[in-house]
């Protein structure tokens, strides 16, 4: 399978040397930018997955805190009502 990002040598021979050198440099830069973009894209996908997991964990912790808060309020209200009955 031929590499689609390579330049046919016949085309390079027909171009002036300055143009062919600039074209090769441009293609090399575009390949590099493409690789960097792919790496960045994969990094962002991993980041999204980690953020989803982190948000789920935070929601579980928040739910547990709400349960604890509810239980504490219940205990405190019983204690206060018990204290009022004594007085």
PDB file of N, CA and C in Angstrom:
ATOM      1  N   UNK A   1       0.854  -1.182   0.000  1.00  0.00           N
ATOM      2  CA  UNK A   1       0.000   0.000   0.000  1.00  0.00           C
ATOM      3  C   UNK A   1       0.896   1.241   0.000  1.00  0.00           C
ATOM      4  N   UNK A   2       0.728   2.118  -0.945  1.00  0.00           N
ATOM      5  CA  UNK A   2       1.595   3.302  -1.012  1.00  0.00           C
ATOM      6  C   UNK A   2       1.253   4.301   0.086  1.00  0.00           C
ATOM      7  N   UNK A   3       2.281   5.001   0.533  1.00  0.00           N
ATOM      8  CA  UNK A   3       2.099   6.033   1.551  1.00  0.00           C
ATOM      9  C   UNK A   3       1.484   7.257   0.881  1.00  0.00           C
ATOM     10  N   UNK A   4       0.343   7.679   1.349  1.00  0.00           N
ATOM     11  CA  UNK A   4      -0.352   8.799   0.713  1.00  0.00           C
ATOM     12  C   UNK A   4       0.273  10.148   1.051  1.00  0.00           C
ATOM     13  N   UNK A   5       1.139  10.174   2.050  1.00  0.00           N
ATOM     14  CA  UNK A   5       1.744  11.446   2.440  1.00  0.00           C
ATOM     15  C   UNK A   5       3.139  11.636   1.852  1.00  0.00           C
ATOM     16  N   UNK A   6       3.556  10.739   0.985  1.00  0.00           N
ATOM     17  CA  UNK A   6       4.854  10.921   0.340  1.00  0.00           C
ATOM     18  C   UNK A   6       4.635  11.557  -1.027  1.00  0.00           C
ATOM     19  N   UNK A   7       5.664  12.209  -1.497  1.00  0.00           N
ATOM     20  CA  UNK A   7       5.582  12.899  -2.781  1.00  0.00           C
ATOM     21  C   UNK A   7       6.225  12.009  -3.837  1.00  0.00           C
ATOM     22  N   UNK A   8       5.581  11.937  -4.955  1.00  0.00           N
ATOM     23  CA  UNK A   8       6.124  11.173  -6.068  1.00  0.00           C
ATOM     24  C   UNK A   8       7.469  11.783  -6.464  1.00  0.00           C
ATOM     25  N   UNK A   9       8.530  10.976  -6.547  1.00  0.00           N
ATOM     26  CA  UNK A   9       9.857  11.529  -6.886  1.00  0.00           C
ATOM     27  C   UNK A   9       9.889  12.241  -8.233  1.00  0.00           C
ATOM     28  N   UNK A  10       9.052  11.829  -9.167  1.00  0.00           N
ATOM     29  CA  UNK A  10       9.027  12.489 -10.476  1.00  0.00           C
ATOM     30  C   UNK A  10       8.560  13.935 -10.344  1.00  0.00           C
ATOM     31  N   UNK A  11       7.622  14.163  -9.453  1.00  0.00           N
ATOM     32  CA  UNK A  11       7.128  15.529  -9.240  1.00  0.00           C
ATOM     33  C   UNK A  11       8.241  16.389  -8.658  1.00  0.00           C
ATOM     34  N   UNK A  12       8.989  15.826  -7.708  1.00  0.00           N
ATOM     35  CA  UNK A  12      10.070  16.594  -7.085  1.00  0.00           C
ATOM     36  C   UNK A  12      11.167  16.925  -8.082  1.00  0.00           C
ATOM     37  N   UNK A  13      11.420  16.032  -9.025  1.00  0.00           N
ATOM     38  CA  UNK A  13      12.476  16.285 -10.016  1.00  0.00           C
ATOM     39  C   UNK A  13      12.089  17.419 -10.954  1.00  0.00           C
ATOM     40  N   UNK A  14      10.811  17.585 -11.210  1.00  0.00           N
ATOM     41  CA  UNK A  14      10.351  18.632 -12.127  1.00  0.00           C
ATOM     42  C   UNK A  14      10.245  19.999 -11.461  1.00  0.00           C
ATOM     43  N   UNK A  15      10.293  20.050 -10.137  1.00  0.00           N
ATOM     44  CA  UNK A  15      10.202  21.320  -9.417  1.00  0.00           C
ATOM     45  C   UNK A  15      11.598  21.889  -9.187  1.00  0.00           C
ATOM     46  N   UNK A  16      11.671  23.210  -9.064  1.00  0.00           N
ATOM     47  CA  UNK A  16      12.963  23.806  -8.695  1.00  0.00           C
ATOM     48  C   UNK A  16      13.376  23.321  -7.302  1.00  0.00           C
ATOM     49  N   UNK A  17      14.679  23.239  -7.016  1.00  0.00           N
ATOM     50  CA  UNK A  17      15.142  22.711  -5.722  1.00  0.00           C
ATOM     51  C   UNK A  17      14.583  23.461  -4.519  1.00  0.00           C
ATOM     52  N   UNK A  18      14.447  24.778  -4.623  1.00  0.00           N
ATOM     53  CA  UNK A  18      13.925  25.542  -3.491  1.00  0.00           C
ATOM     54  C   UNK A  18      12.471  25.151  -3.199  1.00  0.00           C
ATOM     55  N   UNK A  19      11.702  24.968  -4.240  1.00  0.00           N
ATOM     56  CA  UNK A  19      10.293  24.616  -4.078  1.00  0.00           C
ATOM     57  C   UNK A  19      10.142  23.216  -3.507  1.00  0.00           C
ATOM     58  N   UNK A  20      10.926  22.276  -4.024  1.00  0.00           N
ATOM     59  CA  UNK A  20      10.813  20.896  -3.539  1.00  0.00           C
ATOM     60  C   UNK A  20      11.259  20.800  -2.079  1.00  0.00           C
ATOM     61  N   UNK A  21      12.296  21.543  -1.702  1.00  0.00           N
ATOM     62  CA  UNK A  21      12.753  21.529  -0.307  1.00  0.00           C
ATOM     63  C   UNK A  21      11.681  22.135   0.598  1.00  0.00           C
ATOM     64  N   UNK A  22      11.065  23.215   0.151  1.00  0.00           N
ATOM     65  CA  UNK A  22      10.001  23.847   0.934  1.00  0.00           C
ATOM     66  C   UNK A  22       8.787  22.946   1.054  1.00  0.00           C
ATOM     67  N   UNK A  23       8.481  22.232  -0.030  1.00  0.00           N
ATOM     68  CA  UNK A  23       7.342  21.320  -0.023  1.00  0.00           C
ATOM     69  C   UNK A  23       7.584  20.151   0.928  1.00  0.00           C
ATOM     70  N   UNK A  24       8.785  19.620   0.907  1.00  0.00           N
ATOM     71  CA  UNK A  24       9.126  18.517   1.820  1.00  0.00           C
ATOM     72  C   UNK A  24       9.052  18.996   3.266  1.00  0.00           C
ATOM     73  N   UNK A  25       9.553  20.195   3.522  1.00  0.00           N
ATOM     74  CA  UNK A  25       9.490  20.760   4.875  1.00  0.00           C
ATOM     75  C   UNK A  25       8.041  20.951   5.315  1.00  0.00           C
ATOM     76  N   UNK A  26       7.216  21.460   4.416  1.00  0.00           N
ATOM     77  CA  UNK A  26       5.803  21.669   4.730  1.00  0.00           C
ATOM     78  C   UNK A  26       5.111  20.345   5.048  1.00  0.00           C
ATOM     79  N   UNK A  27       5.384  19.321   4.269  1.00  0.00           N
ATOM     80  CA  UNK A  27       4.770  18.012   4.516  1.00  0.00           C
ATOM     81  C   UNK A  27       5.242  17.448   5.849  1.00  0.00           C
ATOM     82  N   UNK A  28       6.517  17.612   6.163  1.00  0.00           N
ATOM     83  CA  UNK A  28       7.040  17.140   7.448  1.00  0.00           C
ATOM     84  C   UNK A  28       6.356  17.867   8.602  1.00  0.00           C
ATOM     85  N   UNK A  29       6.179  19.165   8.456  1.00  0.00           N
ATOM     86  CA  UNK A  29       5.503  19.947   9.500  1.00  0.00           C
ATOM     87  C   UNK A  29       4.055  19.485   9.654  1.00  0.00           C
ATOM     88  N   UNK A  30       3.369  19.260   8.535  1.00  0.00           N
ATOM     89  CA  UNK A  30       1.978  18.809   8.598  1.00  0.00           C
ATOM     90  C   UNK A  30       1.864  17.428   9.243  1.00  0.00           C
ATOM     91  N   UNK A  31       2.802  16.542   8.951  1.00  0.00           N
ATOM     92  CA  UNK A  31       2.804  15.225   9.596  1.00  0.00           C
ATOM     93  C   UNK A  31       2.986  15.374  11.101  1.00  0.00           C
ATOM     94  N   UNK A  32       3.911  16.234  11.496  1.00  0.00           N
ATOM     95  CA  UNK A  32       4.175  16.456  12.917  1.00  0.00           C
ATOM     96  C   UNK A  32       2.949  17.036  13.613  1.00  0.00           C
ATOM     97  N   UNK A  33       2.322  18.012  12.984  1.00  0.00           N
ATOM     98  CA  UNK A  33       1.110  18.610  13.555  1.00  0.00           C
ATOM     99  C   UNK A  33       0.012  17.557  13.669  1.00  0.00           C
ATOM    100  N   UNK A  34      -0.100  16.693  12.683  1.00  0.00           N
ATOM    101  CA  UNK A  34      -1.095  15.626  12.723  1.00  0.00           C
ATOM    102  C   UNK A  34      -0.867  14.670  13.879  1.00  0.00           C
ATOM    103  N   UNK A  35       0.382  14.281  14.087  1.00  0.00           N
ATOM    104  CA  UNK A  35       0.710  13.380  15.200  1.00  0.00           C
ATOM    105  C   UNK A  35       0.420  14.065  16.531  1.00  0.00           C
ATOM    106  N   UNK A  36       0.792  15.328  16.647  1.00  0.00           N
ATOM    107  CA  UNK A  36       0.531  16.072  17.888  1.00  0.00           C
ATOM    108  C   UNK A  36      -0.971  16.179  18.132  1.00  0.00           C
ATOM    109  N   UNK A  37      -1.739  16.419  17.080  1.00  0.00           N
ATOM    110  CA  UNK A  37      -3.196  16.509  17.224  1.00  0.00           C
ATOM    111  C   UNK A  37      -3.780  15.177  17.684  1.00  0.00           C
ATOM    112  N   UNK A  38      -3.304  14.085  17.121  1.00  0.00           N
ATOM    113  CA  UNK A  38      -3.798  12.759  17.521  1.00  0.00           C
ATOM    114  C   UNK A  38      -3.475  12.495  18.990  1.00  0.00           C
ATOM    115  N   UNK A  39      -2.257  12.817  19.403  1.00  0.00           N
ATOM    116  CA  UNK A  39      -1.872  12.630  20.810  1.00  0.00           C
ATOM    117  C   UNK A  39      -2.748  13.505  21.713  1.00  0.00           C
ATOM    118  N   UNK A  40      -2.972  14.747  21.330  1.00  0.00           N
ATOM    119  CA  UNK A  40      -3.820  15.658  22.108  1.00  0.00           C
ATOM    120  C   UNK A  40      -5.245  15.119  22.194  1.00  0.00           C
ATOM    121  N   UNK A  41      -5.764  14.622  21.081  1.00  0.00           N
ATOM    122  CA  UNK A  41      -7.117  14.076  21.035  1.00  0.00           C
ATOM    123  C   UNK A  41      -7.243  12.872  21.969  1.00  0.00           C
ATOM    124  N   UNK A  42      -6.272  11.971  21.937  1.00  0.00           N
ATOM    125  CA  UNK A  42      -6.291  10.807  22.829  1.00  0.00           C
ATOM    126  C   UNK A  42      -6.193  11.240  24.291  1.00  0.00           C
ATOM    127  N   UNK A  43      -5.371  12.245  24.557  1.00  0.00           N
ATOM    128  CA  UNK A  43      -5.248  12.774  25.913  1.00  0.00           C
ATOM    129  C   UNK A  43      -6.585  13.339  26.390  1.00  0.00           C
ATOM    130  N   UNK A  44      -7.284  14.039  25.522  1.00  0.00           N
ATOM    131  CA  UNK A  44      -8.579  14.613  25.892  1.00  0.00           C
ATOM    132  C   UNK A  44      -9.618  13.526  26.161  1.00  0.00           C
ATOM    133  N   UNK A  45      -9.587  12.457  25.382  1.00  0.00           N
ATOM    134  CA  UNK A  45     -10.513  11.342  25.623  1.00  0.00           C
ATOM    135  C   UNK A  45     -10.237  10.729  26.990  1.00  0.00           C
ATOM    136  N   UNK A  46      -8.957  10.496  27.294  1.00  0.00           N
ATOM    137  CA  UNK A  46      -8.598   9.948  28.609  1.00  0.00           C
ATOM    138  C   UNK A  46      -9.026  10.903  29.715  1.00  0.00           C
ATOM    139  N   UNK A  47      -8.853  12.188  29.496  1.00  0.00           N
ATOM    140  CA  UNK A  47      -9.235  13.198  30.479  1.00  0.00           C
ATOM    141  C   UNK A  47     -10.747  13.192  30.715  1.00  0.00           C
ATOM    142  N   UNK A  48     -11.516  13.047  29.659  1.00  0.00           N
ATOM    143  CA  UNK A  48     -12.979  12.993  29.790  1.00  0.00           C
ATOM    144  C   UNK A  48     -13.392  11.779  30.609  1.00  0.00           C
ATOM    145  N   UNK A  49     -12.780  10.634  30.325  1.00  0.00           N
ATOM    146  CA  UNK A  49     -13.105   9.405  31.063  1.00  0.00           C
ATOM    147  C   UNK A  49     -12.780   9.574  32.542  1.00  0.00           C
ATOM    148  N   UNK A  50     -11.608  10.127  32.834  1.00  0.00           N
ATOM    149  CA  UNK A  50     -11.225  10.333  34.235  1.00  0.00           C
ATOM    150  C   UNK A  50     -12.153  11.332  34.927  1.00  0.00           C
ATOM    151  N   UNK A  51     -12.569  12.370  34.224  1.00  0.00           N
ATOM    152  CA  UNK A  51     -13.494  13.352  34.812  1.00  0.00           C
ATOM    153  C   UNK A  51     -14.850  12.731  35.114  1.00  0.00           C
ATOM    154  N   UNK A  52     -15.324  11.859  34.236  1.00  0.00           N
ATOM    155  CA  UNK A  52     -16.604  11.186  34.479  1.00  0.00           C
ATOM    156  C   UNK A  52     -16.505  10.325  35.731  1.00  0.00           C
ATOM    157  N   UNK A  53     -15.409   9.575  35.846  1.00  0.00           N
ATOM    158  CA  UNK A  53     -15.223   8.733  37.039  1.00  0.00           C
ATOM    159  C   UNK A  53     -15.126   9.593  38.297  1.00  0.00           C
ATOM    160  N   UNK A  54     -14.393  10.691  38.201  1.00  0.00           N
ATOM    161  CA  UNK A  54     -14.235  11.581  39.347  1.00  0.00           C
ATOM    162  C   UNK A  54     -15.576  12.179  39.764  1.00  0.00           C
ATOM    163  N   UNK A  55     -16.377  12.591  38.796  1.00  0.00           N
ATOM    164  CA  UNK A  55     -17.686  13.173  39.112  1.00  0.00           C
ATOM    165  C   UNK A  55     -18.615  12.155  39.756  1.00  0.00           C
ATOM    166  N   UNK A  56     -18.569  10.904  39.291  1.00  0.00           N
ATOM    167  CA  UNK A  56     -19.384   9.857  39.918  1.00  0.00           C
ATOM    168  C   UNK A  56     -18.972   9.666  41.371  1.00  0.00           C
ATOM    169  N   UNK A  57     -17.671   9.656  41.612  1.00  0.00           N
ATOM    170  CA  UNK A  57     -17.165   9.480  42.979  1.00  0.00           C
ATOM    171  C   UNK A  57     -17.588  10.655  43.861  1.00  0.00           C
ATOM    172  N   UNK A  58     -17.503  11.850  43.337  1.00  0.00           N
ATOM    173  CA  UNK A  58     -17.908  13.039  44.096  1.00  0.00           C
ATOM    174  C   UNK A  58     -19.397  12.975  44.429  1.00  0.00           C
ATOM    175  N   UNK A  59     -20.213  12.527  43.485  1.00  0.00           N
ATOM    176  CA  UNK A  59     -21.653  12.417  43.746  1.00  0.00           C
ATOM    177  C   UNK A  59     -21.937  11.380  44.831  1.00  0.00           C
ATOM    178  N   UNK A  60     -21.199  10.254  44.808  1.00  0.00           N
ATOM    179  CA  UNK A  60     -21.383   9.245  45.864  1.00  0.00           C
ATOM    180  C   UNK A  60     -21.004   9.812  47.223  1.00  0.00           C
ATOM    181  N   UNK A  61     -19.901  10.531  47.281  1.00  0.00           N
ATOM    182  CA  UNK A  61     -19.454  11.134  48.540  1.00  0.00           C
ATOM    183  C   UNK A  61     -20.477  12.160  49.018  1.00  0.00           C
ATOM    184  N   UNK A  62     -20.997  12.956  48.099  1.00  0.00           N
ATOM    185  CA  UNK A  62     -21.998  13.966  48.463  1.00  0.00           C
ATOM    186  C   UNK A  62     -23.263  13.300  49.013  1.00  0.00           C
ATOM    187  N   UNK A  63     -23.670  12.206  48.403  1.00  0.00           N
ATOM    188  CA  UNK A  63     -24.851  11.486  48.875  1.00  0.00           C
ATOM    189  C   UNK A  63     -24.620  10.944  50.283  1.00  0.00           C
ATOM    190  N   UNK A  64     -23.433  10.384  50.524  1.00  0.00           N
ATOM    191  CA  UNK A  64     -23.118   9.872  51.861  1.00  0.00           C
ATOM    192  C   UNK A  64     -23.086  11.004  52.886  1.00  0.00           C
ATOM    193  N   UNK A  65     -22.545  12.143  52.506  1.00  0.00           N
ATOM    194  CA  UNK A  65     -22.520  13.293  53.417  1.00  0.00           C
ATOM    195  C   UNK A  65     -23.932  13.765  53.748  1.00  0.00           C
ATOM    196  N   UNK A  66     -24.798  13.762  52.757  1.00  0.00           N
ATOM    197  CA  UNK A  66     -26.194  14.140  53.015  1.00  0.00           C
ATOM    198  C   UNK A  66     -26.852  13.166  53.986  1.00  0.00           C
ATOM    199  N   UNK A  67     -26.570  11.873  53.835  1.00  0.00           N
ATOM    200  CA  UNK A  67     -27.121  10.873  54.750  1.00  0.00           C
ATOM    201  C   UNK A  67     -26.604  11.089  56.166  1.00  0.00           C
ATOM    202  N   UNK A  68     -25.308  11.347  56.285  1.00  0.00           N
ATOM    203  CA  UNK A  68     -24.714  11.597  57.603  1.00  0.00           C
ATOM    204  C   UNK A  68     -25.317  12.856  58.214  1.00  0.00           C
ATOM    205  N   UNK A  69     -25.460  13.901  57.409  1.00  0.00           N
ATOM    206  CA  UNK A  69     -26.046  15.155  57.892  1.00  0.00           C
ATOM    207  C   UNK A  69     -27.476  14.930  58.385  1.00  0.00           C
ATOM    208  N   UNK A  70     -28.236  14.159  57.646  1.00  0.00           N
ATOM    209  CA  UNK A  70     -29.612  13.853  58.047  1.00  0.00           C
ATOM    210  C   UNK A  70     -29.629  13.104  59.380  1.00  0.00           C
ATOM    211  N   UNK A  71     -28.738  12.137  59.536  1.00  0.00           N
ATOM    212  CA  UNK A  71     -28.687  11.365  60.785  1.00  0.00           C
ATOM    213  C   UNK A  71     -28.266  12.246  61.961  1.00  0.00           C
ATOM    214  N   UNK A  72     -27.303  13.114  61.731  1.00  0.00           N
ATOM    215  CA  UNK A  72     -26.855  14.020  62.796  1.00  0.00           C
ATOM    216  C   UNK A  72     -27.993  14.954  63.204  1.00  0.00           C
ATOM    217  N   UNK A  73     -28.703  15.490  62.227  1.00  0.00           N
ATOM    218  CA  UNK A  73     -29.840  16.371  62.535  1.00  0.00           C
ATOM    219  C   UNK A  73     -30.908  15.630  63.329  1.00  0.00           C
ATOM    220  N   UNK A  74     -31.133  14.388  62.982  1.00  0.00           N
ATOM    221  CA  UNK A  74     -32.121  13.576  63.684  1.00  0.00           C
ATOM    222  C   UNK A  74     -31.705  13.361  65.137  1.00  0.00           C
ATOM    223  N   UNK A  75     -30.430  13.020  65.345  1.00  0.00           N
ATOM    224  CA  UNK A  75     -29.923  12.810  66.706  1.00  0.00           C
ATOM    225  C   UNK A  75     -29.985  14.107  67.502  1.00  0.00           C
ATOM    226  N   UNK A  76     -29.594  15.209  66.899  1.00  0.00           N
ATOM    227  CA  UNK A  76     -29.616  16.495  67.597  1.00  0.00           C
ATOM    228  C   UNK A  76     -31.038  16.914  67.947  1.00  0.00           C
ATOM    229  N   UNK A  77     -31.964  16.679  67.043  1.00  0.00           N
ATOM    230  CA  UNK A  77     -33.351  17.061  67.348  1.00  0.00           C
ATOM    231  C   UNK A  77     -33.908  16.212  68.487  1.00  0.00           C
ATOM    232  N   UNK A  78     -33.550  14.937  68.542  1.00  0.00           N
ATOM    233  CA  UNK A  78     -33.985  14.086  69.660  1.00  0.00           C
ATOM    234  C   UNK A  78     -33.369  14.567  70.969  1.00  0.00           C
ATOM    235  N   UNK A  79     -32.092  14.926  70.898  1.00  0.00           N
ATOM    236  CA  UNK A  79     -31.396  15.388  72.097  1.00  0.00           C
ATOM    237  C   UNK A  79     -32.009  16.697  72.596  1.00  0.00           C
ATOM    238  N   UNK A  80     -32.318  17.606  71.682  1.00  0.00           N
ATOM    239  CA  UNK A  80     -32.910  18.884  72.071  1.00  0.00           C
ATOM    240  C   UNK A  80     -34.309  18.694  72.643  1.00  0.00           C
ATOM    241  N   UNK A  81     -35.095  17.824  72.041  1.00  0.00           N
ATOM    242  CA  UNK A  81     -36.449  17.600  72.563  1.00  0.00           C
ATOM    243  C   UNK A  81     -36.382  16.896  73.916  1.00  0.00           C
ATOM    244  N   UNK A  82     -35.415  16.014  74.095  1.00  0.00           N
ATOM    245  CA  UNK A  82     -35.230  15.342  75.379  1.00  0.00           C
ATOM    246  C   UNK A  82     -34.782  16.346  76.444  1.00  0.00           C
ATOM    247  N   UNK A  83     -33.921  17.270  76.060  1.00  0.00           N
ATOM    248  CA  UNK A  83     -33.430  18.303  76.973  1.00  0.00           C
ATOM    249  C   UNK A  83     -34.572  19.248  77.380  1.00  0.00           C
ATOM    250  N   UNK A  84     -35.467  19.582  76.471  1.00  0.00           N
ATOM    251  CA  UNK A  84     -36.594  20.471  76.772  1.00  0.00           C
ATOM    252  C   UNK A  84     -37.577  19.803  77.725  1.00  0.00           C
ATOM    253  N   UNK A  85     -37.753  18.497  77.589  1.00  0.00           N
ATOM    254  CA  UNK A  85     -38.681  17.782  78.465  1.00  0.00           C
ATOM    255  C   UNK A  85     -38.187  17.771  79.905  1.00  0.00           C
ATOM    256  N   UNK A  86     -36.880  17.732  80.097  1.00  0.00           N
ATOM    257  CA  UNK A  86     -36.315  17.732  81.448  1.00  0.00           C
ATOM    258  C   UNK A  86     -36.535  19.066  82.136  1.00  0.00           C
ATOM    259  N   UNK A  87     -36.503  20.140  81.385  1.00  0.00           N
ATOM    260  CA  UNK A  87     -36.644  21.479  81.983  1.00  0.00           C
ATOM    261  C   UNK A  87     -38.054  21.784  82.194  1.00  0.00           C
TER     262      UNK A  87
END
